[in-house]
Amino acid sequence: MQKRLGTSEFTITPIGLGTWAMGGEGAFGWGPQDDEESVSTVLRAVERGINWIDTAPAYGYGRSERVVGRALAEIPQAERPYVFTKCGLVWDETGEITHSLKADSLRREVEASLERLGMGALDLVQIHWPSFPPGSPALELEQGWTALARLREEGLIREIGVSNCDVNQLQRLAQIAPVTSLQPPYSMLMRQIEDEILPYCGEHHIGVISYSPMHNGLLSGRMTRERIAAMAETDWRAKLNPAFQEPHLTQNLAFVEKLREIADAYGRTVAEVAVAWVLRHQAVTGAIVGARRPDQINDFCCAMEFRLSVEDLAMIERAMPTSLSAYDLD
């Protein structure tokens, strides 16, 4: 049931808990969030057998890491999950986020993450974006990767990985130090990594922990047009995610109803179908599934054991809308 993450010693469950929404408001935030509910959600995930958590300093300006740290403090050491965090996005006193992969900046980030999480060493640190805004030249990538490799040698980090990198960037990094894992976006509405990235990772023993398998909640089965219209002004999806805008929204909601037919036939949730579809790919080590309330864990945790049939996959393929770009933040 568990898979080894790349060439590391970590064996992880098919699903990891994503904590982006636990950061609450802020740049690319998900709107208001209750910290007590966040802590309870982390604890519920661990109780249900999920053994890794994905977070990042940029999620709520450190807030996500802090609530994960609070939850970890309530879990016996022997039962604690792996914690995977990120680096490269920093902010100032006004909340403006900038990108830096300079060695001194990454060291400060790692030390701050250790403090917020209450850990002696970070299990996995990933470069959040090779460049920012996405698509701009990744001029500091090698410098940042060299710095992370050095921090690993010092014992502050156990493993190093990247997020949102393409094959060319993975090849550049491999010249400096092995890449333990890649975190790319992957869902039924976002399939670009199937052509080159997943085959490359499979051939080079790079673990793949994909994010947004439910496409930021759109494939959860709980999203309606009315709920989207009522999203908080501080929820980035309402204005910046093209999947939540017309003309895509209508076809995406219709697609969800097709997925519901499959889910109902098995007595499953739409969320489980969406996650199981991502996990069907042999190059995917695990999928990051976000939650902000304990009850949401129940919607998807059983997807770890759920398998779609050949007929199900064919039906999904026929009904699938046009794939969207994960990086369209304009």
C-alpha atoms as a PDB file:
ATOM      1  CA  MET A   1       0.000   0.000   0.000  1.00  0.00           C
ATOM      2  CA  GLN A   2       2.836   2.391   0.799  1.00  0.00           C
ATOM      3  CA  LYS A   3       5.457   3.389  -1.766  1.00  0.00           C
ATOM      4  CA  ARG A   4       9.053   4.470  -1.398  1.00  0.00           C
ATOM      5  CA  LEU A   5       9.538   8.147  -2.214  1.00  0.00           C
ATOM      6  CA  GLY A   6      12.190   8.197  -4.910  1.00  0.00           C
ATOM      7  CA  THR A   7      15.506   6.912  -3.600  1.00  0.00           C
ATOM      8  CA  SER A   8      14.808   8.075  -0.038  1.00  0.00           C
ATOM      9  CA  GLU A   9      14.138   5.877   2.973  1.00  0.00           C
ATOM     10  CA  PHE A  10      10.617   7.295   3.282  1.00  0.00           C
ATOM     11  CA  THR A  11       7.696   5.001   2.537  1.00  0.00           C
ATOM     12  CA  ILE A  12       4.527   7.032   2.208  1.00  0.00           C
ATOM     13  CA  THR A  13       0.814   6.388   2.023  1.00  0.00           C
ATOM     14  CA  PRO A  14      -0.881   6.988  -1.342  1.00  0.00           C
ATOM     15  CA  ILE A  15      -2.461  10.149   0.068  1.00  0.00           C
ATOM     16  CA  GLY A  16      -0.846  12.991   1.974  1.00  0.00           C
ATOM     17  CA  LEU A  17      -2.636  15.854   3.687  1.00  0.00           C
ATOM     18  CA  GLY A  18      -2.323  19.245   1.992  1.00  0.00           C
ATOM     19  CA  THR A  19      -2.453  22.287   4.267  1.00  0.00           C
ATOM     20  CA  TRP A  20      -2.529  25.204   1.822  1.00  0.00           C
ATOM     21  CA  ALA A  21      -6.045  26.235   2.876  1.00  0.00           C
ATOM     22  CA  MET A  22      -4.997  26.151   6.541  1.00  0.00           C
ATOM     23  CA  GLY A  23      -2.945  29.255   5.851  1.00  0.00           C
ATOM     24  CA  GLY A  24      -6.208  31.180   5.644  1.00  0.00           C
ATOM     25  CA  GLU A  25      -6.143  34.595   4.046  1.00  0.00           C
ATOM     26  CA  GLY A  26      -3.249  36.344   2.344  1.00  0.00           C
ATOM     27  CA  ALA A  27      -1.603  36.099  -1.049  1.00  0.00           C
ATOM     28  CA  PHE A  28      -3.234  33.171  -2.906  1.00  0.00           C
ATOM     29  CA  GLY A  29      -5.155  32.380   0.274  1.00  0.00           C
ATOM     30  CA  TRP A  30      -8.359  30.380   0.609  1.00  0.00           C
ATOM     31  CA  GLY A  31     -10.317  32.798   2.773  1.00  0.00           C
ATOM     32  CA  PRO A  32     -10.947  32.743   6.547  1.00  0.00           C
ATOM     33  CA  GLN A  33      -9.837  29.628   8.425  1.00  0.00           C
ATOM     34  CA  ASP A  34     -10.113  28.529  12.058  1.00  0.00           C
ATOM     35  CA  ASP A  35      -6.804  27.312  13.521  1.00  0.00           C
ATOM     36  CA  GLU A  36      -8.443  24.923  15.977  1.00  0.00           C
ATOM     37  CA  GLU A  37     -10.272  23.267  13.103  1.00  0.00           C
ATOM     38  CA  SER A  38      -6.987  23.037  11.189  1.00  0.00           C
ATOM     39  CA  VAL A  39      -5.273  21.271  14.079  1.00  0.00           C
ATOM     40  CA  SER A  40      -8.206  18.868  14.401  1.00  0.00           C
ATOM     41  CA  THR A  41      -8.015  18.152  10.669  1.00  0.00           C
ATOM     42  CA  VAL A  42      -4.334  17.213  10.885  1.00  0.00           C
ATOM     43  CA  LEU A  43      -5.022  14.954  13.854  1.00  0.00           C
ATOM     44  CA  ARG A  44      -7.944  13.285  12.050  1.00  0.00           C
ATOM     45  CA  ALA A  45      -5.776  12.616   8.990  1.00  0.00           C
ATOM     46  CA  VAL A  46      -3.121  10.911  11.107  1.00  0.00           C
ATOM     47  CA  GLU A  47      -5.798   8.896  12.918  1.00  0.00           C
ATOM     48  CA  ARG A  48      -7.083   7.687   9.538  1.00  0.00           C
ATOM     49  CA  GLY A  49      -3.630   6.413   8.575  1.00  0.00           C
ATOM     50  CA  ILE A  50      -2.218   9.237   6.442  1.00  0.00           C
ATOM     51  CA  ASN A  51       1.517   9.373   7.177  1.00  0.00           C
ATOM     52  CA  TRP A  52       2.698  12.578   5.505  1.00  0.00           C
ATOM     53  CA  ILE A  53       1.721  16.227   5.507  1.00  0.00           C
ATOM     54  CA  ASP A  54       2.568  18.833   2.902  1.00  0.00           C
ATOM     55  CA  THR A  55       2.930  22.471   3.915  1.00  0.00           C
ATOM     56  CA  ALA A  56       4.878  25.616   3.018  1.00  0.00           C
ATOM     57  CA  PRO A  57       5.997  28.851   4.675  1.00  0.00           C
ATOM     58  CA  ALA A  58       4.127  30.862   2.026  1.00  0.00           C
ATOM     59  CA  TYR A  59       0.777  29.346   3.049  1.00  0.00           C
ATOM     60  CA  GLY A  60      -0.562  32.177   5.195  1.00  0.00           C
ATOM     61  CA  TYR A  61       2.864  33.698   5.900  1.00  0.00           C
ATOM     62  CA  GLY A  62       3.906  30.797   8.129  1.00  0.00           C
ATOM     63  CA  ARG A  63       0.451  30.131   9.552  1.00  0.00           C
ATOM     64  CA  SER A  64       0.058  26.720   7.926  1.00  0.00           C
ATOM     65  CA  GLU A  65       3.385  25.543   9.345  1.00  0.00           C
ATOM     66  CA  ARG A  66       2.468  26.848  12.790  1.00  0.00           C
ATOM     67  CA  VAL A  67      -0.817  24.929  12.947  1.00  0.00           C
ATOM     68  CA  VAL A  68       0.932  21.784  11.685  1.00  0.00           C
ATOM     69  CA  GLY A  69       3.499  22.293  14.445  1.00  0.00           C
ATOM     70  CA  ARG A  70       0.714  22.571  17.023  1.00  0.00           C
ATOM     71  CA  ALA A  71      -0.781  19.310  15.806  1.00  0.00           C
ATOM     72  CA  LEU A  72       2.590  17.538  15.831  1.00  0.00           C
ATOM     73  CA  ALA A  73       3.031  18.509  19.477  1.00  0.00           C
ATOM     74  CA  GLU A  74      -0.087  16.463  20.303  1.00  0.00           C
ATOM     75  CA  ILE A  75       1.099  13.331  18.481  1.00  0.00           C
ATOM     76  CA  PRO A  76       3.467  10.837  20.155  1.00  0.00           C
ATOM     77  CA  GLN A  77       6.887  10.891  18.514  1.00  0.00           C
ATOM     78  CA  ALA A  78       6.604   7.314  17.253  1.00  0.00           C
ATOM     79  CA  GLU A  79       3.296   8.101  15.513  1.00  0.00           C
ATOM     80  CA  ARG A  80       4.248  11.399  13.902  1.00  0.00           C
ATOM     81  CA  PRO A  81       3.823  11.751  10.145  1.00  0.00           C
ATOM     82  CA  TYR A  82       6.507  12.933   7.760  1.00  0.00           C
ATOM     83  CA  VAL A  83       6.360  16.677   7.168  1.00  0.00           C
ATOM     84  CA  PHE A  84       7.216  17.980   3.713  1.00  0.00           C
ATOM     85  CA  THR A  85       7.653  21.745   3.401  1.00  0.00           C
ATOM     86  CA  LYS A  86       9.004  24.201   0.845  1.00  0.00           C
ATOM     87  CA  CYS A  87      11.214  27.222   0.332  1.00  0.00           C
ATOM     88  CA  GLY A  88      11.868  30.039  -2.100  1.00  0.00           C
ATOM     89  CA  LEU A  89       8.892  32.356  -1.535  1.00  0.00           C
ATOM     90  CA  VAL A  90       9.495  35.046   1.086  1.00  0.00           C
ATOM     91  CA  TRP A  91       7.466  38.031   2.232  1.00  0.00           C
ATOM     92  CA  ASP A  92       8.006  41.433   3.799  1.00  0.00           C
ATOM     93  CA  GLU A  93       6.141  43.331   6.520  1.00  0.00           C
ATOM     94  CA  THR A  94       3.511  44.443   3.995  1.00  0.00           C
ATOM     95  CA  GLY A  95       2.773  40.852   2.953  1.00  0.00           C
ATOM     96  CA  GLU A  96       4.281  41.207  -0.503  1.00  0.00           C
ATOM     97  CA  ILE A  97       5.698  37.864  -1.660  1.00  0.00           C
ATOM     98  CA  THR A  98       8.940  37.705  -3.616  1.00  0.00           C
ATOM     99  CA  HIS A  99      11.108  34.859  -4.860  1.00  0.00           C
ATOM    100  CA  SER A 100      14.633  34.096  -3.666  1.00  0.00           C
ATOM    101  CA  LEU A 101      16.797  30.984  -3.924  1.00  0.00           C
ATOM    102  CA  LYS A 102      19.913  32.675  -2.560  1.00  0.00           C
ATOM    103  CA  ALA A 103      21.792  30.569  -0.015  1.00  0.00           C
ATOM    104  CA  ASP A 104      21.415  32.960   2.926  1.00  0.00           C
ATOM    105  CA  SER A 105      17.688  33.366   2.279  1.00  0.00           C
ATOM    106  CA  LEU A 106      17.105  29.595   2.125  1.00  0.00           C
ATOM    107  CA  ARG A 107      19.003  29.073   5.367  1.00  0.00           C
ATOM    108  CA  ARG A 108      16.792  31.635   7.107  1.00  0.00           C
ATOM    109  CA  GLU A 109      13.707  29.948   5.684  1.00  0.00           C
ATOM    110  CA  VAL A 110      14.759  26.489   6.838  1.00  0.00           C
ATOM    111  CA  GLU A 111      15.588  27.722  10.336  1.00  0.00           C
ATOM    112  CA  ALA A 112      12.230  29.515  10.554  1.00  0.00           C
ATOM    113  CA  SER A 113      10.374  26.391   9.380  1.00  0.00           C
ATOM    114  CA  LEU A 114      12.145  24.282  11.985  1.00  0.00           C
ATOM    115  CA  GLU A 115      10.989  26.698  14.680  1.00  0.00           C
ATOM    116  CA  ARG A 116       7.388  26.922  13.467  1.00  0.00           C
ATOM    117  CA  LEU A 117       7.078  23.146  13.104  1.00  0.00           C
ATOM    118  CA  GLY A 118       8.954  22.321  16.303  1.00  0.00           C
ATOM    119  CA  MET A 119      11.219  19.852  14.508  1.00  0.00           C
ATOM    120  CA  GLY A 120      14.927  19.118  14.834  1.00  0.00           C
ATOM    121  CA  ALA A 121      15.268  18.352  11.117  1.00  0.00           C
ATOM    122  CA  LEU A 122      12.874  18.816   8.199  1.00  0.00           C
ATOM    123  CA  ASP A 123      11.942  15.556   6.464  1.00  0.00           C
ATOM    124  CA  LEU A 124      11.726  17.043   2.963  1.00  0.00           C
ATOM    125  CA  VAL A 125      12.296  20.579   1.726  1.00  0.00           C
ATOM    126  CA  GLN A 126      11.149  21.412  -1.801  1.00  0.00           C
ATOM    127  CA  ILE A 127      11.923  24.449  -3.920  1.00  0.00           C
ATOM    128  CA  HIS A 128       8.389  25.826  -4.187  1.00  0.00           C
ATOM    129  CA  TRP A 129       8.819  27.395  -7.632  1.00  0.00           C
ATOM    130  CA  PRO A 130      11.928  27.391  -9.839  1.00  0.00           C
ATOM    131  CA  SER A 131      11.029  31.005 -10.640  1.00  0.00           C
ATOM    132  CA  PHE A 132       8.226  33.397  -9.803  1.00  0.00           C
ATOM    133  CA  PRO A 133       6.036  34.514 -11.460  1.00  0.00           C
ATOM    134  CA  PRO A 134       5.776  31.071 -13.084  1.00  0.00           C
ATOM    135  CA  GLY A 135       7.433  30.903 -16.465  1.00  0.00           C
ATOM    136  CA  SER A 136      10.028  33.586 -15.815  1.00  0.00           C
ATOM    137  CA  PRO A 137      13.727  32.617 -16.145  1.00  0.00           C
ATOM    138  CA  ALA A 138      14.934  30.320 -13.336  1.00  0.00           C
ATOM    139  CA  LEU A 139      18.193  32.197 -12.827  1.00  0.00           C
ATOM    140  CA  GLU A 140      18.832  31.151  -9.207  1.00  0.00           C
ATOM    141  CA  LEU A 141      17.824  27.496  -9.499  1.00  0.00           C
ATOM    142  CA  GLU A 142      21.316  25.979  -9.307  1.00  0.00           C
ATOM    143  CA  GLN A 143      22.315  28.303  -6.485  1.00  0.00           C
ATOM    144  CA  GLY A 144      19.280  27.285  -4.472  1.00  0.00           C
ATOM    145  CA  TRP A 145      19.763  23.583  -5.112  1.00  0.00           C
ATOM    146  CA  THR A 146      23.408  23.765  -4.033  1.00  0.00           C
ATOM    147  CA  ALA A 147      22.322  25.529  -0.842  1.00  0.00           C
ATOM    148  CA  LEU A 148      19.714  22.870  -0.026  1.00  0.00           C
ATOM    149  CA  ALA A 149      22.239  20.089  -0.611  1.00  0.00           C
ATOM    150  CA  ARG A 150      24.564  21.814   1.852  1.00  0.00           C
ATOM    151  CA  LEU A 151      21.807  22.154   4.457  1.00  0.00           C
ATOM    152  CA  ARG A 152      21.109  18.446   4.062  1.00  0.00           C
ATOM    153  CA  GLU A 153      24.775  17.685   4.705  1.00  0.00           C
ATOM    154  CA  GLU A 154      24.519  19.767   7.881  1.00  0.00           C
ATOM    155  CA  GLY A 155      21.580  17.660   9.090  1.00  0.00           C
ATOM    156  CA  LEU A 156      18.922  20.380   8.993  1.00  0.00           C
ATOM    157  CA  ILE A 157      17.136  18.593   6.128  1.00  0.00           C
ATOM    158  CA  ARG A 158      16.752  14.866   5.486  1.00  0.00           C
ATOM    159  CA  GLU A 159      15.744  14.974   1.797  1.00  0.00           C
ATOM    160  CA  ILE A 160      15.484  17.632  -0.914  1.00  0.00           C
ATOM    161  CA  GLY A 161      13.013  17.953  -3.755  1.00  0.00           C
ATOM    162  CA  VAL A 162      11.329  20.432  -6.058  1.00  0.00           C
ATOM    163  CA  SER A 163       7.882  21.580  -7.051  1.00  0.00           C
ATOM    164  CA  ASN A 164       6.631  22.844 -10.411  1.00  0.00           C
ATOM    165  CA  CYS A 165       9.825  22.018 -12.341  1.00  0.00           C
ATOM    166  CA  ASP A 166      10.002  20.819 -15.934  1.00  0.00           C
ATOM    167  CA  VAL A 167      12.299  18.132 -17.345  1.00  0.00           C
ATOM    168  CA  ASN A 168      15.002  20.585 -18.382  1.00  0.00           C
ATOM    169  CA  GLN A 169      15.138  21.992 -14.864  1.00  0.00           C
ATOM    170  CA  LEU A 170      15.257  18.507 -13.330  1.00  0.00           C
ATOM    171  CA  GLN A 171      18.205  17.713 -15.579  1.00  0.00           C
ATOM    172  CA  ARG A 172      19.986  20.882 -14.476  1.00  0.00           C
ATOM    173  CA  LEU A 173      19.522  19.985 -10.818  1.00  0.00           C
ATOM    174  CA  ALA A 174      20.684  16.394 -11.273  1.00  0.00           C
ATOM    175  CA  GLN A 175      24.108  17.717 -12.260  1.00  0.00           C
ATOM    176  CA  ILE A 176      24.474  19.070  -8.711  1.00  0.00           C
ATOM    177  CA  ALA A 177      22.646  16.606  -6.440  1.00  0.00           C
ATOM    178  CA  PRO A 178      20.008  13.874  -6.866  1.00  0.00           C
ATOM    179  CA  VAL A 179      16.369  14.974  -6.850  1.00  0.00           C
ATOM    180  CA  THR A 180      14.389  12.952  -4.316  1.00  0.00           C
ATOM    181  CA  SER A 181      10.972  14.093  -5.457  1.00  0.00           C
ATOM    182  CA  LEU A 182       8.959  16.353  -7.718  1.00  0.00           C
ATOM    183  CA  GLN A 183       5.658  17.943  -6.752  1.00  0.00           C
ATOM    184  CA  PRO A 184       3.700  18.800  -9.922  1.00  0.00           C
ATOM    185  CA  PRO A 185       0.022  19.635 -10.427  1.00  0.00           C
ATOM    186  CA  TYR A 186      -2.007  16.707 -11.752  1.00  0.00           C
ATOM    187  CA  SER A 187      -5.728  16.133 -12.097  1.00  0.00           C
ATOM    188  CA  MET A 188      -8.307  15.134 -14.685  1.00  0.00           C
ATOM    189  CA  LEU A 189      -8.411  18.810 -15.674  1.00  0.00           C
ATOM    190  CA  MET A 190      -4.643  19.263 -15.700  1.00  0.00           C
ATOM    191  CA  ARG A 191      -2.741  16.510 -17.520  1.00  0.00           C
ATOM    192  CA  GLN A 192       0.297  18.219 -19.034  1.00  0.00           C
ATOM    193  CA  ILE A 193       2.802  16.199 -16.994  1.00  0.00           C
ATOM    194  CA  GLU A 194       1.792  12.923 -18.667  1.00  0.00           C
ATOM    195  CA  ASP A 195       3.771  13.557 -21.847  1.00  0.00           C
ATOM    196  CA  GLU A 196       7.301  14.183 -20.552  1.00  0.00           C
ATOM    197  CA  ILE A 197       7.523  14.770 -16.805  1.00  0.00           C
ATOM    198  CA  LEU A 198       5.996  11.535 -15.482  1.00  0.00           C
ATOM    199  CA  PRO A 199       8.001   9.314 -17.880  1.00  0.00           C
ATOM    200  CA  TYR A 200      11.210  11.156 -16.956  1.00  0.00           C
ATOM    201  CA  CYS A 201      10.572  10.779 -13.225  1.00  0.00           C
ATOM    202  CA  GLY A 202       9.803   7.101 -13.631  1.00  0.00           C
ATOM    203  CA  GLU A 203      12.987   6.477 -15.598  1.00  0.00           C
ATOM    204  CA  HIS A 204      15.172   8.411 -13.143  1.00  0.00           C
ATOM    205  CA  HIS A 205      13.643   7.136  -9.885  1.00  0.00           C
ATOM    206  CA  ILE A 206      12.294  10.522  -8.839  1.00  0.00           C
ATOM    207  CA  GLY A 207       9.305  10.306  -6.526  1.00  0.00           C
ATOM    208  CA  VAL A 208       6.174  12.146  -7.639  1.00  0.00           C
ATOM    209  CA  ILE A 209       3.825  13.661  -5.071  1.00  0.00           C
ATOM    210  CA  SER A 210       1.209  15.407  -7.167  1.00  0.00           C
ATOM    211  CA  TYR A 211      -0.858  18.306  -5.930  1.00  0.00           C
ATOM    212  CA  SER A 212      -4.413  19.450  -6.709  1.00  0.00           C
ATOM    213  CA  PRO A 213      -5.854  16.008  -7.633  1.00  0.00           C
ATOM    214  CA  MET A 214      -9.297  17.508  -6.984  1.00  0.00           C
ATOM    215  CA  HIS A 215      -8.343  20.670  -8.869  1.00  0.00           C
ATOM    216  CA  ASN A 216      -8.581  22.996  -5.880  1.00  0.00           C
ATOM    217  CA  GLY A 217     -11.863  21.430  -4.762  1.00  0.00           C
ATOM    218  CA  LEU A 218     -13.666  21.629  -8.101  1.00  0.00           C
ATOM    219  CA  LEU A 219     -13.621  17.818  -8.435  1.00  0.00           C
ATOM    220  CA  SER A 220     -14.601  17.200  -4.814  1.00  0.00           C
ATOM    221  CA  GLY A 221     -18.265  16.709  -5.638  1.00  0.00           C
ATOM    222  CA  ARG A 222     -19.215  19.401  -3.134  1.00  0.00           C
ATOM    223  CA  MET A 223     -18.615  22.433  -5.321  1.00  0.00           C
ATOM    224  CA  THR A 224     -21.659  24.138  -6.828  1.00  0.00           C
ATOM    225  CA  ARG A 225     -22.145  27.275  -8.873  1.00  0.00           C
ATOM    226  CA  GLU A 226     -23.760  28.917  -5.841  1.00  0.00           C
ATOM    227  CA  ARG A 227     -20.898  27.990  -3.552  1.00  0.00           C
ATOM    228  CA  ILE A 228     -18.367  29.372  -6.021  1.00  0.00           C
ATOM    229  CA  ALA A 229     -20.330  32.617  -6.322  1.00  0.00           C
ATOM    230  CA  ALA A 230     -20.300  32.947  -2.525  1.00  0.00           C
ATOM    231  CA  MET A 231     -16.529  32.461  -2.160  1.00  0.00           C
ATOM    232  CA  ALA A 232     -14.744  34.986   0.019  1.00  0.00           C
ATOM    233  CA  GLU A 233     -13.016  37.869  -1.717  1.00  0.00           C
ATOM    234  CA  THR A 234      -9.768  36.561  -0.219  1.00  0.00           C
ATOM    235  CA  ASP A 235     -10.183  33.116  -1.820  1.00  0.00           C
ATOM    236  CA  TRP A 236      -7.790  33.107  -4.793  1.00  0.00           C
ATOM    237  CA  ARG A 237      -9.840  30.557  -6.723  1.00  0.00           C
ATOM    238  CA  ALA A 238     -12.735  32.949  -7.245  1.00  0.00           C
ATOM    239  CA  LYS A 239     -10.743  35.317  -9.450  1.00  0.00           C
ATOM    240  CA  LEU A 240      -7.488  33.651 -10.481  1.00  0.00           C
ATOM    241  CA  ASN A 241      -8.316  30.013 -11.255  1.00  0.00           C
ATOM    242  CA  PRO A 242      -9.571  29.650 -14.861  1.00  0.00           C
ATOM    243  CA  ALA A 243     -11.316  26.364 -14.043  1.00  0.00           C
ATOM    244  CA  PHE A 244     -13.716  28.321 -11.824  1.00  0.00           C
ATOM    245  CA  GLN A 245     -14.487  30.840 -14.589  1.00  0.00           C
ATOM    246  CA  GLU A 246     -16.612  30.635 -17.714  1.00  0.00           C
ATOM    247  CA  PRO A 247     -16.522  29.126 -20.251  1.00  0.00           C
ATOM    248  CA  HIS A 248     -14.737  26.350 -18.326  1.00  0.00           C
ATOM    249  CA  LEU A 249     -16.961  26.299 -15.233  1.00  0.00           C
ATOM    250  CA  THR A 250     -20.111  25.003 -16.929  1.00  0.00           C
ATOM    251  CA  GLN A 251     -18.339  22.106 -18.641  1.00  0.00           C
ATOM    252  CA  ASN A 252     -16.380  21.274 -15.481  1.00  0.00           C
ATOM    253  CA  LEU A 253     -19.499  21.069 -13.325  1.00  0.00           C
ATOM    254  CA  ALA A 254     -21.143  18.850 -15.957  1.00  0.00           C
ATOM    255  CA  PHE A 255     -18.060  16.620 -15.890  1.00  0.00           C
ATOM    256  CA  VAL A 256     -18.353  16.301 -12.114  1.00  0.00           C
ATOM    257  CA  GLU A 257     -21.852  14.897 -12.562  1.00  0.00           C
ATOM    258  CA  LYS A 258     -20.407  12.190 -14.836  1.00  0.00           C
ATOM    259  CA  LEU A 259     -17.906  11.376 -12.099  1.00  0.00           C
ATOM    260  CA  ARG A 260     -20.766  11.211  -9.617  1.00  0.00           C
ATOM    261  CA  GLU A 261     -22.350   8.422 -11.663  1.00  0.00           C
ATOM    262  CA  ILE A 262     -19.177   6.359 -11.233  1.00  0.00           C
ATOM    263  CA  ALA A 263     -18.919   7.235  -7.547  1.00  0.00           C
ATOM    264  CA  ASP A 264     -22.541   6.287  -6.860  1.00  0.00           C
ATOM    265  CA  ALA A 265     -22.090   2.922  -8.564  1.00  0.00           C
ATOM    266  CA  TYR A 266     -19.423   2.044  -5.984  1.00  0.00           C
ATOM    267  CA  GLY A 267     -20.948   3.832  -3.023  1.00  0.00           C
ATOM    268  CA  ARG A 268     -17.983   6.215  -3.101  1.00  0.00           C
ATOM    269  CA  THR A 269     -17.544   9.976  -3.200  1.00  0.00           C
ATOM    270  CA  VAL A 270     -16.621  12.051  -6.247  1.00  0.00           C
ATOM    271  CA  ALA A 271     -13.475  13.073  -4.374  1.00  0.00           C
ATOM    272  CA  GLU A 272     -12.413   9.434  -4.114  1.00  0.00           C
ATOM    273  CA  VAL A 273     -12.897   8.965  -7.857  1.00  0.00           C
ATOM    274  CA  ALA A 274     -10.794  12.056  -8.599  1.00  0.00           C
ATOM    275  CA  VAL A 275      -7.962  10.964  -6.313  1.00  0.00           C
ATOM    276  CA  ALA A 276      -8.074   7.336  -7.470  1.00  0.00           C
ATOM    277  CA  TRP A 277      -7.719   8.537 -11.068  1.00  0.00           C
ATOM    278  CA  VAL A 278      -4.477  10.349 -10.200  1.00  0.00           C
ATOM    279  CA  LEU A 279      -3.132   7.390  -8.236  1.00  0.00           C
ATOM    280  CA  ARG A 280      -3.769   5.024 -11.141  1.00  0.00           C
ATOM    281  CA  HIS A 281      -0.582   6.283 -12.841  1.00  0.00           C
ATOM    282  CA  GLN A 282       2.350   4.073 -11.889  1.00  0.00           C
ATOM    283  CA  ALA A 283       4.794   7.011 -11.828  1.00  0.00           C
ATOM    284  CA  VAL A 284       2.772   8.787  -9.114  1.00  0.00           C
ATOM    285  CA  THR A 285       4.041   7.963  -5.631  1.00  0.00           C
ATOM    286  CA  GLY A 286       1.321   9.828  -3.791  1.00  0.00           C
ATOM    287  CA  ALA A 287      -1.279  12.573  -4.106  1.00  0.00           C
ATOM    288  CA  ILE A 288      -1.630  15.631  -1.903  1.00  0.00           C
ATOM    289  CA  VAL A 289      -5.249  16.175  -0.936  1.00  0.00           C
ATOM    290  CA  GLY A 290      -6.158  19.384   0.853  1.00  0.00           C
ATOM    291  CA  ALA A 291      -8.620  19.681   3.699  1.00  0.00           C
ATOM    292  CA  ARG A 292      -9.611  22.380   6.143  1.00  0.00           C
ATOM    293  CA  ARG A 293     -12.141  20.474   8.282  1.00  0.00           C
ATOM    294  CA  PRO A 294     -11.963  17.004   9.890  1.00  0.00           C
ATOM    295  CA  ASP A 295     -15.086  15.771   8.072  1.00  0.00           C
ATOM    296  CA  GLN A 296     -13.418  16.373   4.703  1.00  0.00           C
ATOM    297  CA  ILE A 297     -10.860  13.675   5.513  1.00  0.00           C
ATOM    298  CA  ASN A 298     -13.643  11.114   5.293  1.00  0.00           C
ATOM    299  CA  ASP A 299     -14.452  12.235   1.735  1.00  0.00           C
ATOM    300  CA  PHE A 300     -11.172  11.044   0.298  1.00  0.00           C
ATOM    301  CA  CYS A 301      -9.104   8.897   2.674  1.00  0.00           C
ATOM    302  CA  CYS A 302     -10.649   5.658   1.419  1.00  0.00           C
ATOM    303  CA  ALA A 303      -9.340   6.465  -2.063  1.00  0.00           C
ATOM    304  CA  MET A 304      -6.059   4.921  -0.894  1.00  0.00           C
ATOM    305  CA  GLU A 305      -7.652   1.510  -1.451  1.00  0.00           C
ATOM    306  CA  PHE A 306     -10.023   2.334  -4.327  1.00  0.00           C
ATOM    307  CA  ARG A 307      -9.265   1.227  -7.888  1.00  0.00           C
ATOM    308  CA  LEU A 308     -11.121   2.343 -11.003  1.00  0.00           C
ATOM    309  CA  SER A 309     -11.957  -0.267 -13.637  1.00  0.00           C
ATOM    310  CA  VAL A 310     -10.878  -0.111 -17.266  1.00  0.00           C
ATOM    311  CA  GLU A 311     -14.467   0.755 -18.153  1.00  0.00           C
ATOM    312  CA  ASP A 312     -14.515   3.575 -15.603  1.00  0.00           C
ATOM    313  CA  LEU A 313     -11.304   5.031 -16.996  1.00  0.00           C
ATOM    314  CA  ALA A 314     -12.671   4.875 -20.542  1.00  0.00           C
ATOM    315  CA  MET A 315     -15.861   6.655 -19.478  1.00  0.00           C
ATOM    316  CA  ILE A 316     -13.834   9.366 -17.754  1.00  0.00           C
ATOM    317  CA  GLU A 317     -11.659   9.790 -20.831  1.00  0.00           C
ATOM    318  CA  ARG A 318     -14.696  10.291 -23.060  1.00  0.00           C
ATOM    319  CA  ALA A 319     -16.276  12.834 -20.724  1.00  0.00           C
ATOM    320  CA  MET A 320     -13.133  14.756 -19.842  1.00  0.00           C
ATOM    321  CA  PRO A 321     -13.068  18.495 -20.679  1.00  0.00           C
ATOM    322  CA  THR A 322     -10.111  20.265 -22.254  1.00  0.00           C
ATOM    323  CA  SER A 323      -7.043  20.238 -20.000  1.00  0.00           C
ATOM    324  CA  LEU A 324      -6.181  23.569 -18.384  1.00  0.00           C
ATOM    325  CA  SER A 325      -2.813  25.108 -17.586  1.00  0.00           C
ATOM    326  CA  ALA A 326      -1.819  24.970 -13.926  1.00  0.00           C
ATOM    327  CA  TYR A 327       0.293  28.080 -14.235  1.00  0.00           C
ATOM    328  CA  ASP A 328      -2.234  30.541 -15.627  1.00  0.00           C
ATOM    329  CA  LEU A 329      -2.244  32.970 -12.713  1.00  0.00           C
ATOM    330  CA  ASP A 330      -2.941  36.081 -14.785  1.00  0.00           C
END
